Amino acid sequence: MIRVPAYYTTWLFILLMPACLFAQDQKPIFIDVSKKAGIDFRYTFGDYTYENILESSGSGITVFDYNGDNLLDLYMMNGTWLEGISDSKGEVFRGTHNKLYKNNGNGSFTEVSAQAGVDDRHWSMAAGAVDYDNDGDEDLYLLNYGGNVFYHNNGDGTFTDIAGELGLEGPEKLNGFTKWSVGVAFWDHNQDGTLDAMVGNFLAFDPAYISPTTPDMMPHPSEYRGQATMLYEQQANGKFLEVTKEHELFYPDSKCMGLTVFDYDDDDDMDIFQGNDHQLNFLFRNDNGKYKDVAIECGVAANDQGQPTGSMHGSVGDIDGDGLIDLLVTDLRHGALYRNLGNGLFEDISGISGISGYFAGKGQWGAQLFDYDNDGDLDIFSANGTAEELILQYPLLLENDGKGKFSNVGAERSAYFSKKRSGRAAAAWDYDNDGDLDLIVSHIDLQAEATLLRNEGGNNNHWLGLSLVGKNGPVEAIGAKVIVHAGGRKQVFINQRANGYLTYSDPRVHVGLGATEKVDRIEIIWADGERESFQINGIDRYITIKQNSGKR
């Protein structure tokens, strides 16, 4: 009789063990596929030096389906050489333009900005994608340093700028200097069945100003005056009328970096969070069409040390599974994660959640609350980099334990997280429609190349993707609350793609289901307050839900 040593028996058992038993322990990894996919975008800030706040503020990303083929395309915003602002040697960058990458459906992209007519040559910051006129295709509102552009989708793969006709170019100057727009939030603020727009403007940039305290560095944002954020109501003829003062939203010296619209107090109207740069943030509570700033009393005006910091943008989601929508605000200090207490108040849990330790000193810009591993809780990606100086930092991937505590797993998931960069915008999207969320990140360091990170699933977790369509198209869908009941738990989401600094992400609500193989029901509270319940069959797929097609 031959005896097999115990350690041989153990290894034999492992070799014969079904592969599926390992699958649950495996984790997704992110692979840099930028070159393979044909994403060759390289950002320019107008010259070869990093000297002013315009150059430091970065490059936007918008994900949208521009040609209606159910594949998500990519629009990347660029800087350019500007006379009187850029160095003379940078004139080689005169006329650099934004780029539109068409998704070919096979993992590759083709750059088509000139053919589509969206190769804008302003200094562009961000772009809001929305079907503003409910004609079935997505338009693009481009926010610039200088005049804004509204690209109307012609339905044939091309666009026409109609910003002047719509009244959406914006003023030439605000507070005495060139208007500097950094973002837009769309929603039906007056519930008349049409989309309105709130444009976030940043600060009154004086290129000639030199700081007396730090003459060798770019001036601090606090040394400039601000520029008012502006609310535009869509009229019956499709044009827009600026109504900021009428709705008590006129703050001429505010320094907006990002706008987030959601119903924070569950009273069936949309409220507005405005992240401000080195000022207290705003939370505008909607009271019958009039707005009141309640950020201080609600606890979201400053960080956990009571300080206004360089806030970027508010990202919304339920981070601890209690059914309440929380608020992540990236900033240049150590971030702020505000836990919703359910009574109209928020508690800053940056310390106890672990994020402040990871964020401290990094300088966070674009971030995403997204379920990267489809396990049913929201994780965090953050693109980082110092502001006043071009100092590179590590990007971060923070994994949620399901209860709102985070650990840094980036280096374990991708080589990308082991290299310092200076990141700005970051979008989460499933560009290959395989059910897990990928990332696209813009950078302004001297390498300046965008990075496309493909999520290589790595586990057997299930998922569901939801596209919401209101009775008037996107009007009732933007800001809608989605409650998914599955496996004895509920997950709550806000249908809001303007969810990061200079970013419009995947328009679909992405639901990680873990091991759960069935969704029991989906509840939707539409932006107009209507409530519906839906029964669905099947998971691991994308579906469209239309208002008034479910059971009340």
Protein backbone atom coordinates (compact mmCIF):
# COMPACT_ATOMS: atom_id res chain seq x y z
CA MET A 1 0.00 0.00 0.00
CA ILE A 2 1.36 3.37 -1.02
CA ARG A 3 0.77 6.23 1.38
CA VAL A 4 0.39 9.73 -0.09
CA PRO A 5 1.79 12.52 2.12
CA ALA A 6 -0.87 14.79 3.55
CA TYR A 7 0.40 17.87 1.77
CA TYR A 8 0.08 16.03 -1.60
CA THR A 9 -3.52 15.17 -0.72
CA THR A 10 -4.25 18.80 0.05
CA TRP A 11 -2.82 20.03 -3.23
CA LEU A 12 -4.66 17.31 -5.17
CA PHE A 13 -7.92 18.44 -3.57
CA ILE A 14 -7.21 22.04 -4.53
CA LEU A 15 -6.42 21.13 -8.12
CA LEU A 16 -9.63 19.13 -8.47
CA MET A 17 -11.82 21.68 -6.68
CA PRO A 18 -14.38 23.33 -9.00
CA ALA A 19 -13.25 26.75 -10.20
CA CYS A 20 -16.57 28.29 -9.16
CA LEU A 21 -15.66 27.82 -5.50
CA PHE A 22 -12.86 30.33 -5.98
CA ALA A 23 -14.95 32.82 -7.93
CA GLN A 24 -16.70 34.32 -4.93
CA ASP A 25 -13.32 35.20 -3.36
CA GLN A 26 -11.91 36.82 -6.48
CA LYS A 27 -12.10 40.57 -6.92
CA PRO A 28 -12.36 42.68 -10.04
CA ILE A 29 -9.24 44.28 -11.45
CA PHE A 30 -8.94 47.33 -13.68
CA ILE A 31 -6.88 47.11 -16.86
CA ASP A 32 -5.59 50.20 -18.68
CA VAL A 33 -6.90 49.72 -22.22
CA SER A 34 -6.58 53.35 -23.39
CA LYS A 35 -4.25 52.70 -26.32
CA LYS A 36 -5.91 49.45 -27.32
CA ALA A 37 -9.29 51.19 -27.34
CA GLY A 38 -8.03 54.14 -29.38
CA ILE A 39 -8.45 56.77 -26.66
CA ASP A 40 -5.59 59.11 -27.56
CA PHE A 41 -6.85 62.25 -25.83
CA ARG A 42 -4.13 64.45 -24.38
CA TYR A 43 -5.08 67.54 -22.44
CA THR A 44 -3.41 70.91 -23.01
CA PHE A 45 -3.62 73.82 -20.62
CA GLY A 46 -2.45 76.27 -23.26
CA ASP A 47 1.32 76.23 -22.81
CA TYR A 48 4.16 74.32 -21.17
CA THR A 49 3.96 75.88 -17.71
CA TYR A 50 1.54 75.50 -14.82
CA GLU A 51 1.04 79.05 -13.61
CA ASN A 52 -2.58 80.06 -13.07
CA ILE A 53 -5.88 78.83 -11.72
CA LEU A 54 -7.39 78.38 -15.18
CA GLU A 55 -4.60 75.97 -16.07
CA SER A 56 -5.00 74.07 -12.80
CA SER A 57 -8.75 73.49 -13.00
CA GLY A 58 -8.80 70.70 -15.50
CA SER A 59 -10.53 68.74 -18.14
CA GLY A 60 -14.14 67.52 -18.20
CA ILE A 61 -15.63 64.20 -19.30
CA THR A 62 -19.12 63.49 -20.63
CA VAL A 63 -20.47 60.03 -21.41
CA PHE A 64 -23.52 59.88 -23.68
CA ASP A 65 -24.97 58.02 -26.68
CA TYR A 66 -24.67 60.69 -29.35
CA ASN A 67 -25.87 58.56 -32.29
CA GLY A 68 -28.58 56.42 -30.67
CA ASP A 69 -26.96 53.02 -31.22
CA ASN A 70 -27.19 52.00 -27.53
CA LEU A 71 -23.42 52.26 -27.14
CA LEU A 72 -21.98 54.92 -24.85
CA ASP A 73 -19.68 57.41 -26.53
CA LEU A 74 -17.12 59.73 -24.95
CA TYR A 75 -16.67 63.51 -25.11
CA MET A 76 -13.43 64.93 -23.70
CA MET A 77 -12.98 68.64 -23.05
CA ASN A 78 -9.72 70.47 -23.79
CA GLY A 79 -7.93 73.69 -22.97
CA THR A 80 -6.24 75.86 -25.56
CA TRP A 81 -3.78 78.73 -26.00
CA LEU A 82 -5.32 82.05 -24.96
CA GLU A 83 -3.75 85.41 -25.76
CA GLY A 84 -2.93 87.36 -22.62
CA ILE A 85 -3.16 84.26 -20.44
CA SER A 86 -0.93 81.57 -21.96
CA ASP A 87 2.84 81.88 -22.47
CA SER A 88 3.98 82.83 -25.96
CA LYS A 89 5.74 79.50 -26.48
CA GLY A 90 2.39 77.80 -26.02
CA GLU A 91 0.99 79.30 -29.21
CA VAL A 92 1.59 75.91 -30.82
CA PHE A 93 -1.53 74.89 -28.88
CA ARG A 94 -3.71 77.55 -30.49
CA GLY A 95 -6.92 75.92 -31.74
CA THR A 96 -6.69 72.68 -29.81
CA HIS A 97 -10.17 71.20 -29.63
CA ASN A 98 -12.49 68.90 -27.76
CA LYS A 99 -12.74 65.30 -28.93
CA LEU A 100 -15.72 62.99 -29.44
CA TYR A 101 -14.96 59.26 -29.44
CA LYS A 102 -17.53 57.04 -31.13
CA ASN A 103 -17.98 53.64 -29.50
CA ASN A 104 -17.52 50.99 -32.19
CA GLY A 105 -19.06 48.22 -30.08
CA ASN A 106 -15.97 46.01 -30.22
CA GLY A 107 -13.98 47.63 -27.43
CA SER A 108 -12.53 50.34 -29.67
CA PHE A 109 -13.37 53.98 -30.37
CA THR A 110 -13.03 56.31 -33.34
CA GLU A 111 -12.50 60.06 -32.91
CA VAL A 112 -15.26 61.88 -34.85
CA SER A 113 -15.49 65.39 -33.36
CA ALA A 114 -14.98 67.20 -36.68
CA GLN A 115 -17.49 65.02 -38.54
CA ALA A 116 -20.04 65.51 -35.78
CA GLY A 117 -19.42 69.25 -35.56
CA VAL A 118 -18.43 69.32 -31.88
CA ASP A 119 -14.71 70.10 -32.19
CA ASP A 120 -15.13 73.26 -30.14
CA ARG A 121 -12.01 75.42 -29.71
CA HIS A 122 -12.96 77.42 -26.63
CA TRP A 123 -11.34 76.65 -23.30
CA SER A 124 -13.91 74.03 -22.32
CA MET A 125 -14.62 72.83 -18.81
CA ALA A 126 -17.66 70.52 -18.79
CA ALA A 127 -20.64 69.45 -20.87
CA GLY A 128 -24.15 68.43 -19.87
CA ALA A 129 -25.80 65.75 -22.01
CA VAL A 130 -29.59 65.81 -22.12
CA ASP A 131 -32.50 65.51 -24.54
CA TYR A 132 -33.74 68.98 -23.74
CA ASP A 133 -36.52 69.03 -26.38
CA ASN A 134 -37.64 65.39 -25.98
CA ASP A 135 -37.06 64.52 -29.63
CA GLY A 136 -35.38 61.22 -28.84
CA ASP A 137 -31.70 62.11 -29.07
CA GLU A 138 -29.26 63.69 -26.65
CA ASP A 139 -28.07 67.25 -27.00
CA LEU A 140 -24.89 68.67 -25.48
CA TYR A 141 -24.54 71.89 -23.47
CA LEU A 142 -20.89 72.91 -23.41
CA LEU A 143 -19.69 75.06 -20.49
CA ASN A 144 -16.67 77.22 -21.29
CA TYR A 145 -14.33 79.91 -20.11
CA GLY A 146 -16.01 82.38 -22.44
CA GLY A 147 -19.24 81.89 -24.33
CA ASN A 148 -21.14 78.66 -23.74
CA VAL A 149 -22.24 76.45 -26.63
CA PHE A 150 -25.43 74.41 -26.97
CA TYR A 151 -25.08 71.63 -29.52
CA HIS A 152 -28.49 70.51 -30.75
CA ASN A 153 -28.43 66.92 -31.95
CA ASN A 154 -29.63 66.80 -35.57
CA GLY A 155 -30.45 63.11 -35.32
CA ASP A 156 -28.00 62.13 -38.06
CA GLY A 157 -24.77 62.03 -36.07
CA THR A 158 -24.15 65.79 -36.35
CA PHE A 159 -24.78 68.78 -34.10
CA THR A 160 -25.61 72.47 -34.58
CA ASP A 161 -24.80 75.21 -32.07
CA ILE A 162 -28.03 76.98 -31.11
CA ALA A 163 -26.91 78.56 -27.80
CA GLY A 164 -27.65 82.04 -29.14
CA GLU A 165 -31.16 81.08 -30.22
CA LEU A 166 -31.87 79.47 -26.85
CA GLY A 167 -30.41 82.26 -24.74
CA LEU A 168 -27.81 79.96 -23.14
CA GLU A 169 -24.49 81.54 -24.17
CA GLY A 170 -24.33 83.33 -20.86
CA PRO A 171 -23.08 86.88 -20.26
CA GLU A 172 -19.74 87.91 -21.72
CA LYS A 173 -18.49 88.98 -18.30
CA LEU A 174 -19.41 88.51 -14.65
CA ASN A 175 -17.94 90.68 -11.89
CA GLY A 176 -15.87 92.49 -14.48
CA PHE A 177 -14.06 89.50 -16.01
CA THR A 178 -14.70 86.76 -18.58
CA LYS A 179 -17.54 84.45 -17.56
CA TRP A 180 -16.14 81.10 -16.44
CA SER A 181 -18.71 78.30 -16.44
CA VAL A 182 -17.81 74.94 -14.89
CA GLY A 183 -20.99 72.86 -15.01
CA VAL A 184 -24.72 72.55 -15.46
CA ALA A 185 -27.58 70.79 -13.69
CA PHE A 186 -30.76 70.02 -15.61
CA TRP A 187 -34.14 69.39 -13.98
CA ASP A 188 -37.71 70.64 -14.11
CA HIS A 189 -37.39 73.17 -11.31
CA ASN A 190 -40.89 74.67 -11.71
CA GLN A 191 -42.63 71.39 -12.67
CA ASP A 192 -44.09 72.68 -15.92
CA GLY A 193 -43.08 69.60 -17.90
CA THR A 194 -39.94 71.10 -19.50
CA LEU A 195 -36.30 71.01 -18.50
CA ASP A 196 -34.63 74.01 -16.89
CA ALA A 197 -30.90 74.55 -16.43
CA MET A 198 -28.71 75.90 -13.65
CA VAL A 199 -25.24 76.94 -14.80
CA GLY A 200 -22.44 76.94 -12.26
CA ASN A 201 -19.92 79.76 -12.71
CA PHE A 202 -16.61 79.84 -10.89
CA LEU A 203 -14.62 83.01 -10.29
CA ALA A 204 -13.61 86.35 -11.81
CA PHE A 205 -10.17 85.40 -13.12
CA ASP A 206 -7.81 88.35 -13.57
CA PRO A 207 -4.82 87.06 -15.59
CA ALA A 208 -2.72 90.08 -14.59
CA TYR A 209 -3.11 89.63 -10.86
CA ILE A 210 -0.04 88.52 -8.88
CA SER A 211 -0.44 87.52 -5.26
CA PRO A 212 1.50 89.80 -2.88
CA THR A 213 1.90 86.94 -0.40
CA THR A 214 2.97 84.18 -2.85
CA PRO A 215 4.30 85.98 -5.95
CA ASP A 216 6.06 82.84 -7.19
CA MET A 217 2.89 80.74 -7.12
CA MET A 218 -0.54 81.11 -8.63
CA PRO A 219 -2.88 83.21 -6.45
CA HIS A 220 -5.20 81.36 -4.10
CA PRO A 221 -8.89 81.21 -5.16
CA SER A 222 -9.81 83.34 -2.13
CA GLU A 223 -7.91 86.26 -3.69
CA TYR A 224 -10.39 86.55 -6.56
CA ARG A 225 -14.02 87.65 -6.59
CA GLY A 226 -16.65 85.09 -7.50
CA GLN A 227 -19.24 84.79 -10.26
CA ALA A 228 -22.93 84.12 -9.81
CA THR A 229 -24.46 80.75 -10.60
CA MET A 230 -27.44 81.30 -12.93
CA LEU A 231 -30.85 79.62 -13.24
CA TYR A 232 -32.51 79.44 -16.67
CA GLU A 233 -36.18 78.50 -17.13
CA GLN A 234 -37.28 76.95 -20.41
CA GLN A 235 -40.16 78.84 -21.98
CA ALA A 236 -43.07 77.55 -24.07
CA ASN A 237 -41.17 78.44 -27.27
CA GLY A 238 -38.14 76.35 -26.22
CA LYS A 239 -35.98 79.35 -25.36
CA PHE A 240 -34.51 79.95 -21.91
CA LEU A 241 -34.97 82.93 -19.60
CA GLU A 242 -32.53 83.74 -16.80
CA VAL A 243 -34.49 83.93 -13.52
CA THR A 244 -31.80 83.65 -10.82
CA LYS A 245 -32.83 86.65 -8.71
CA GLU A 246 -36.53 85.85 -8.93
CA HIS A 247 -35.90 82.53 -7.15
CA GLU A 248 -33.51 83.95 -4.54
CA LEU A 249 -30.47 82.16 -5.94
CA PHE A 250 -28.34 85.19 -6.83
CA TYR A 251 -25.01 85.12 -5.00
CA PRO A 252 -22.69 87.32 -7.11
CA ASP A 253 -19.48 86.36 -5.30
CA SER A 254 -20.01 82.62 -5.00
CA LYS A 255 -17.37 80.29 -6.46
CA CYS A 256 -19.22 77.25 -7.68
CA MET A 257 -17.30 74.09 -8.57
CA GLY A 258 -20.21 71.66 -8.88
CA LEU A 259 -24.02 71.37 -8.75
CA THR A 260 -26.00 68.37 -7.52
CA VAL A 261 -29.79 68.21 -7.67
CA PHE A 262 -31.69 65.77 -5.44
CA ASP A 263 -34.57 65.74 -2.98
CA TYR A 264 -32.54 65.68 0.23
CA ASP A 265 -35.56 66.09 2.56
CA ASP A 266 -38.01 63.74 0.77
CA ASP A 267 -40.71 66.39 0.28
CA ASP A 268 -41.18 65.64 -3.43
CA ASP A 269 -39.30 68.62 -4.85
CA MET A 270 -35.71 68.95 -5.99
CA ASP A 271 -33.15 70.75 -3.87
CA ILE A 272 -29.71 71.98 -4.96
CA PHE A 273 -26.30 71.35 -3.41
CA GLN A 274 -23.59 73.72 -4.61
CA GLY A 275 -19.98 72.91 -3.80
CA ASN A 276 -17.99 76.14 -3.42
CA ASP A 277 -14.26 76.75 -3.61
CA HIS A 278 -12.91 78.00 -0.26
CA GLN A 279 -16.33 79.27 0.73
CA LEU A 280 -19.11 77.63 2.71
CA ASN A 281 -21.12 75.28 0.51
CA PHE A 282 -24.77 75.99 -0.31
CA LEU A 283 -27.75 73.69 0.11
CA PHE A 284 -30.74 75.39 -1.47
CA ARG A 285 -33.97 73.96 -0.10
CA ASN A 286 -36.87 74.25 -2.50
CA ASP A 287 -39.91 75.81 -0.85
CA ASN A 288 -42.61 76.12 -3.51
CA GLY A 289 -40.19 77.39 -6.13
CA LYS A 290 -38.29 79.73 -3.81
CA TYR A 291 -34.92 78.61 -2.53
CA LYS A 292 -33.29 79.08 0.84
CA ASP A 293 -29.71 78.23 1.72
CA VAL A 294 -29.89 75.79 4.64
CA ALA A 295 -26.38 74.30 4.38
CA ILE A 296 -25.26 75.52 7.79
CA GLU A 297 -28.31 74.29 9.68
CA CYS A 298 -28.29 70.97 7.79
CA GLY A 299 -24.59 70.37 8.46
CA VAL A 300 -23.13 70.38 4.92
CA ALA A 301 -21.63 73.88 4.72
CA ALA A 302 -18.17 72.99 6.03
CA ASN A 303 -16.03 69.97 6.84
CA ASP A 304 -15.76 68.19 10.20
CA GLN A 305 -13.33 70.87 11.42
CA GLY A 306 -15.78 73.64 10.63
CA GLN A 307 -13.68 74.88 7.73
CA PRO A 308 -14.75 75.84 4.22
CA THR A 309 -12.33 74.07 1.88
CA GLY A 310 -11.85 73.73 -1.85
CA SER A 311 -15.07 71.78 -2.37
CA MET A 312 -15.58 70.26 -5.80
CA HIS A 313 -18.84 68.44 -6.34
CA GLY A 314 -21.42 66.52 -4.35
CA SER A 315 -21.86 62.83 -5.24
CA VAL A 316 -25.03 61.22 -3.88
CA GLY A 317 -25.77 57.66 -2.81
CA ASP A 318 -26.65 55.43 0.14
CA ILE A 319 -23.25 54.47 1.51
CA ASP A 320 -24.38 52.53 4.60
CA GLY A 321 -27.48 50.72 3.37
CA ASP A 322 -29.97 52.53 5.61
CA GLY A 323 -32.14 53.72 2.71
CA LEU A 324 -31.15 57.39 3.08
CA ILE A 325 -29.18 59.32 0.48
CA ASP A 326 -25.79 60.49 1.72
CA LEU A 327 -23.48 63.11 0.22
CA LEU A 328 -19.77 62.79 -0.63
CA VAL A 329 -18.02 66.10 -1.27
CA THR A 330 -14.46 65.94 -2.55
CA ASP A 331 -12.19 68.83 -1.64
CA LEU A 332 -8.57 69.89 -1.39
CA ARG A 333 -8.25 69.08 2.33
CA HIS A 334 -9.51 65.65 3.38
CA GLY A 335 -12.96 65.35 1.87
CA ALA A 336 -16.35 65.33 3.54
CA LEU A 337 -18.75 62.40 3.74
CA TYR A 338 -22.09 63.57 5.09
CA ARG A 339 -24.37 60.82 6.43
CA ASN A 340 -28.08 61.55 6.06
CA LEU A 341 -29.78 61.27 9.47
CA GLY A 342 -33.27 61.20 7.99
CA ASN A 343 -34.56 64.31 9.68
CA GLY A 344 -33.21 66.90 7.26
CA LEU A 345 -29.81 66.87 8.95
CA PHE A 346 -26.43 65.41 7.97
CA GLU A 347 -23.52 64.20 10.08
CA ASP A 348 -19.94 64.44 8.80
CA ILE A 349 -18.50 60.91 9.14
CA SER A 350 -15.30 61.48 7.17
CA GLY A 351 -13.22 60.34 10.13
CA ILE A 352 -15.14 57.28 11.28
CA SER A 353 -15.72 56.10 7.71
CA GLY A 354 -11.97 56.13 7.09
CA ILE A 355 -11.98 58.40 4.06
CA SER A 356 -10.32 61.42 5.68
CA GLY A 357 -7.21 59.38 6.45
CA TYR A 358 -6.92 58.29 2.82
CA PHE A 359 -7.86 61.67 1.35
CA ALA A 360 -5.68 63.87 3.58
CA GLY A 361 -3.11 65.80 1.58
CA LYS A 362 -4.08 64.22 -1.73
CA GLY A 363 -6.31 66.99 -3.16
CA GLN A 364 -9.46 65.29 -4.45
CA TRP A 365 -11.13 66.45 -7.65
CA GLY A 366 -13.37 64.08 -9.58
CA ALA A 367 -14.87 61.20 -7.62
CA GLN A 368 -17.42 58.47 -8.14
CA LEU A 369 -19.70 56.66 -5.73
CA PHE A 370 -20.09 53.39 -7.64
CA ASP A 371 -20.37 49.66 -6.98
CA TYR A 372 -17.23 48.49 -8.73
CA ASP A 373 -17.54 44.85 -7.62
CA ASN A 374 -21.35 44.48 -7.88
CA ASP A 375 -21.63 43.38 -4.26
CA GLY A 376 -24.51 45.73 -3.45
CA ASP A 377 -22.73 48.66 -1.79
CA LEU A 378 -21.14 51.85 -3.08
CA ASP A 379 -17.38 52.17 -3.30
CA ILE A 380 -15.35 55.32 -4.01
CA PHE A 381 -12.95 56.27 -6.78
CA SER A 382 -11.07 59.54 -6.42
CA ALA A 383 -8.82 61.36 -8.92
CA ASN A 384 -6.26 63.40 -6.99
CA GLY A 385 -3.63 66.11 -7.44
CA THR A 386 -2.42 69.25 -5.71
CA ALA A 387 -3.98 72.50 -6.92
CA GLU A 388 -1.61 75.48 -6.57
CA GLU A 389 1.44 73.44 -7.64
CA LEU A 390 1.72 70.59 -10.11
CA ILE A 391 2.38 67.92 -7.47
CA LEU A 392 1.26 64.43 -8.40
CA GLN A 393 -0.72 62.17 -6.05
CA TYR A 394 -1.92 58.57 -6.00
CA PRO A 395 -5.49 57.99 -7.19
CA LEU A 396 -7.65 56.03 -4.78
CA LEU A 397 -10.08 53.11 -4.91
CA LEU A 398 -11.84 52.77 -1.55
CA GLU A 399 -13.88 49.62 -0.97
CA ASN A 400 -17.02 49.74 1.17
CA ASP A 401 -17.54 47.05 3.81
CA GLY A 402 -21.32 47.44 3.34
CA LYS A 403 -21.71 49.55 6.46
CA GLY A 404 -20.03 52.72 5.30
CA LYS A 405 -16.44 51.94 6.34
CA PHE A 406 -13.82 52.13 3.62
CA SER A 407 -10.41 50.58 2.95
CA ASN A 408 -7.93 51.44 0.21
CA VAL A 409 -7.67 48.53 -2.26
CA GLY A 410 -6.43 50.40 -5.32
CA ALA A 411 -2.96 48.90 -5.51
CA GLU A 412 -4.47 45.42 -5.29
CA ARG A 413 -6.86 46.07 -8.17
CA SER A 414 -4.73 47.83 -10.77
CA ALA A 415 -1.23 49.10 -11.51
CA TYR A 416 -2.90 52.45 -12.26
CA PHE A 417 -3.29 53.10 -8.54
CA SER A 418 0.44 52.62 -7.89
CA LYS A 419 1.50 55.57 -10.02
CA LYS A 420 1.15 59.20 -9.03
CA ARG A 421 -0.84 61.40 -11.42
CA SER A 422 -2.65 64.73 -11.34
CA GLY A 423 -6.24 63.75 -12.08
CA ARG A 424 -9.30 65.90 -12.55
CA ALA A 425 -12.59 64.51 -13.97
CA ALA A 426 -13.57 60.84 -13.63
CA ALA A 427 -16.63 59.08 -15.04
CA ALA A 428 -18.02 55.63 -14.25
CA TRP A 429 -19.59 53.88 -17.25
CA ASP A 430 -20.15 50.43 -18.66
CA TYR A 431 -18.74 51.19 -22.10
CA ASP A 432 -18.67 47.52 -23.14
CA ASN A 433 -22.13 46.69 -21.72
CA ASP A 434 -20.82 43.66 -19.82
CA GLY A 435 -22.46 44.56 -16.51
CA ASP A 436 -19.55 46.00 -14.53
CA LEU A 437 -18.57 49.64 -14.29
CA ASP A 438 -15.43 50.89 -16.02
CA LEU A 439 -13.64 54.21 -15.42
CA ILE A 440 -12.38 57.01 -17.63
CA VAL A 441 -10.10 59.60 -15.98
CA SER A 442 -8.68 62.89 -17.30
CA HIS A 443 -5.29 64.20 -16.18
CA ILE A 444 -3.54 67.56 -16.39
CA ASP A 445 -0.02 66.47 -15.49
CA LEU A 446 2.65 66.78 -18.17
CA GLN A 447 1.81 63.26 -19.36
CA ALA A 448 -1.77 64.54 -19.68
CA GLU A 449 -3.19 61.42 -21.31
CA ALA A 450 -6.64 60.20 -20.36
CA THR A 451 -6.87 56.68 -18.93
CA LEU A 452 -9.59 54.16 -19.75
CA LEU A 453 -9.76 51.45 -17.10
CA ARG A 454 -11.73 48.38 -18.10
CA ASN A 455 -13.28 46.48 -15.20
CA GLU A 456 -12.43 42.80 -15.47
CA GLY A 457 -15.34 41.46 -13.40
CA GLY A 458 -13.53 38.70 -11.54
CA ASN A 459 -16.53 37.42 -9.57
CA ASN A 460 -19.96 35.91 -10.14
CA ASN A 461 -21.93 38.80 -8.68
CA HIS A 462 -25.16 39.73 -10.40
CA TRP A 463 -26.34 43.15 -11.55
CA LEU A 464 -29.13 45.11 -13.20
CA GLY A 465 -29.03 48.31 -15.25
CA LEU A 466 -31.99 50.70 -15.47
CA SER A 467 -32.76 53.44 -17.98
CA LEU A 468 -35.57 55.70 -16.80
CA VAL A 469 -37.90 57.55 -19.17
CA GLY A 470 -40.46 60.01 -17.80
CA LYS A 471 -43.79 60.83 -19.39
CA ASN A 472 -42.11 63.92 -20.88
CA GLY A 473 -38.83 62.15 -21.65
CA PRO A 474 -36.00 62.99 -19.23
CA VAL A 475 -38.00 65.62 -17.33
CA GLU A 476 -39.48 63.37 -14.65
CA ALA A 477 -36.54 60.94 -14.72
CA ILE A 478 -33.74 63.32 -13.69
CA GLY A 479 -33.46 63.21 -9.92
CA ALA A 480 -35.92 60.31 -9.56
CA LYS A 481 -35.42 58.01 -6.58
CA VAL A 482 -35.09 54.30 -7.36
CA ILE A 483 -35.65 51.68 -4.65
CA VAL A 484 -34.64 48.12 -5.55
CA HIS A 485 -35.95 45.28 -3.35
CA ALA A 486 -33.95 42.07 -3.75
CA GLY A 487 -32.65 39.33 -1.49
CA GLY A 488 -34.32 40.66 1.64
CA ARG A 489 -32.72 44.10 1.40
CA LYS A 490 -33.36 47.35 -0.40
CA GLN A 491 -30.98 49.60 -2.26
CA VAL A 492 -31.77 53.25 -2.92
CA PHE A 493 -30.38 55.31 -5.81
CA ILE A 494 -30.80 58.77 -7.32
CA ASN A 495 -31.04 58.93 -11.11
CA GLN A 496 -28.46 61.70 -11.49
CA ARG A 497 -25.59 61.47 -13.96
CA ALA A 498 -24.05 64.87 -13.08
CA ASN A 499 -22.34 63.14 -10.20
CA GLY A 500 -18.74 64.32 -10.15
CA TYR A 501 -16.48 67.29 -10.80
CA LEU A 502 -16.75 68.32 -14.50
CA THR A 503 -18.39 64.95 -15.18
CA TYR A 504 -21.51 63.42 -16.70
CA SER A 505 -21.40 59.64 -16.19
CA ASP A 506 -23.34 56.61 -17.46
CA PRO A 507 -27.02 57.63 -17.80
CA ARG A 508 -28.20 54.27 -16.44
CA VAL A 509 -28.79 53.39 -12.79
CA HIS A 510 -26.40 50.53 -12.03
CA VAL A 511 -27.46 48.05 -9.34
CA GLY A 512 -25.04 45.49 -7.92
CA LEU A 513 -26.91 42.44 -6.62
CA GLY A 514 -24.16 40.24 -5.20
CA ALA A 515 -25.29 36.61 -5.08
CA THR A 516 -28.99 37.52 -5.32
CA GLU A 517 -30.57 35.98 -8.41
CA LYS A 518 -33.91 37.78 -8.44
CA VAL A 519 -35.27 41.30 -8.03
CA ASP A 520 -38.54 41.27 -6.10
CA ARG A 521 -39.73 44.74 -7.05
CA ILE A 522 -38.59 48.20 -8.04
CA GLU A 523 -40.18 51.38 -6.70
CA ILE A 524 -39.66 54.70 -8.42
CA ILE A 525 -40.48 58.11 -7.04
CA TRP A 526 -40.40 60.23 -10.17
CA ALA A 527 -39.17 63.82 -10.03
CA ASP A 528 -42.75 65.10 -10.22
CA GLY A 529 -43.63 63.14 -7.06
CA GLU A 530 -45.51 60.29 -8.77
CA ARG A 531 -44.86 56.87 -7.25
CA GLU A 532 -44.89 53.59 -9.15
CA SER A 533 -44.02 49.97 -8.45
CA PHE A 534 -42.64 47.59 -11.08
CA GLN A 535 -42.21 43.83 -11.28
CA ILE A 536 -39.41 42.70 -13.57
CA ASN A 537 -38.18 39.37 -14.84
CA GLY A 538 -34.52 38.56 -15.26
CA ILE A 539 -31.27 40.14 -14.12
CA ASP A 540 -27.77 40.64 -15.54
CA ARG A 541 -29.17 42.88 -18.26
CA TYR A 542 -30.17 46.44 -19.09
CA ILE A 543 -33.84 47.39 -19.15
CA THR A 544 -35.85 50.56 -19.76
CA ILE A 545 -38.60 51.64 -17.37
CA LYS A 546 -41.15 54.18 -18.55
CA GLN A 547 -43.31 56.30 -16.29
CA ASN A 548 -46.95 55.21 -16.08
CA SER A 549 -46.14 51.67 -17.22
CA GLY A 550 -46.09 50.15 -13.72
CA LYS A 551 -48.58 49.46 -10.94
CA ARG A 552 -49.39 52.23 -8.50
